[in-house]
């Protein structure tokens, strides 16, 4: 007795189509996984900035360079304080201040106490706004930051509000000189540090800019 076996008809076009679909799904899954990894890396950065593997500007400067920068800034700030000349100097750290640099007047000069005094001189066209220090150089002058929404003492003016505002948005360090009293304040992480003794200003600034390792070496 002869047995009739069913004949399996293979549609090559159908198989090719299914393989293509599966390959497309695999590629899509790989892309999704890649995007998730990128997403996690981005938001691992401090305060959610869209930066991947960016080195801190302050870590580019060595300990001796930070100490020199602190010394030059202190010399300028003490003079501005004595003359009660209002000033706002912001030091960029790991979070770039590009949008604020673009708003200001490009300087790109070495830090000089005399130049800083000239910029903030009351008759200077650049005295309003802030100076941004980047990589140990004066990057720009006469730029403006968003003001803080916090309720702060009435003794603080717009410079103080701007310094606090930028410290809330970035990890920058800002030094403010009051044009009313000559008092010096440092804004960082949304808080003010009042500088009571200007003789210790160099050390205070260095401590604000230095890494924990550099500070430990200073104490040894």
Foldseek 3Di string as FASTA:
>chain_A
DDDDDDDDDDDPVVVVVVVVVVVVVVVVVVVVVVVVVLCVQQCVDPPNDRDHPAAWQLVVDDLVLLLVLLVQVLVLLVVCLVQLQKAKEKEGIRDDPVVQLVQFAFDFAARHSVVRCQQRPPPHPQNPAHFYATSRHGGGTNTFADFDPDDDDPQDDRSVRRQLRVQCRHQMKMWIQGSVNSWIWIHHNNDIDTDPDSVCSSVVSSVSSDDPVSVVVVVD
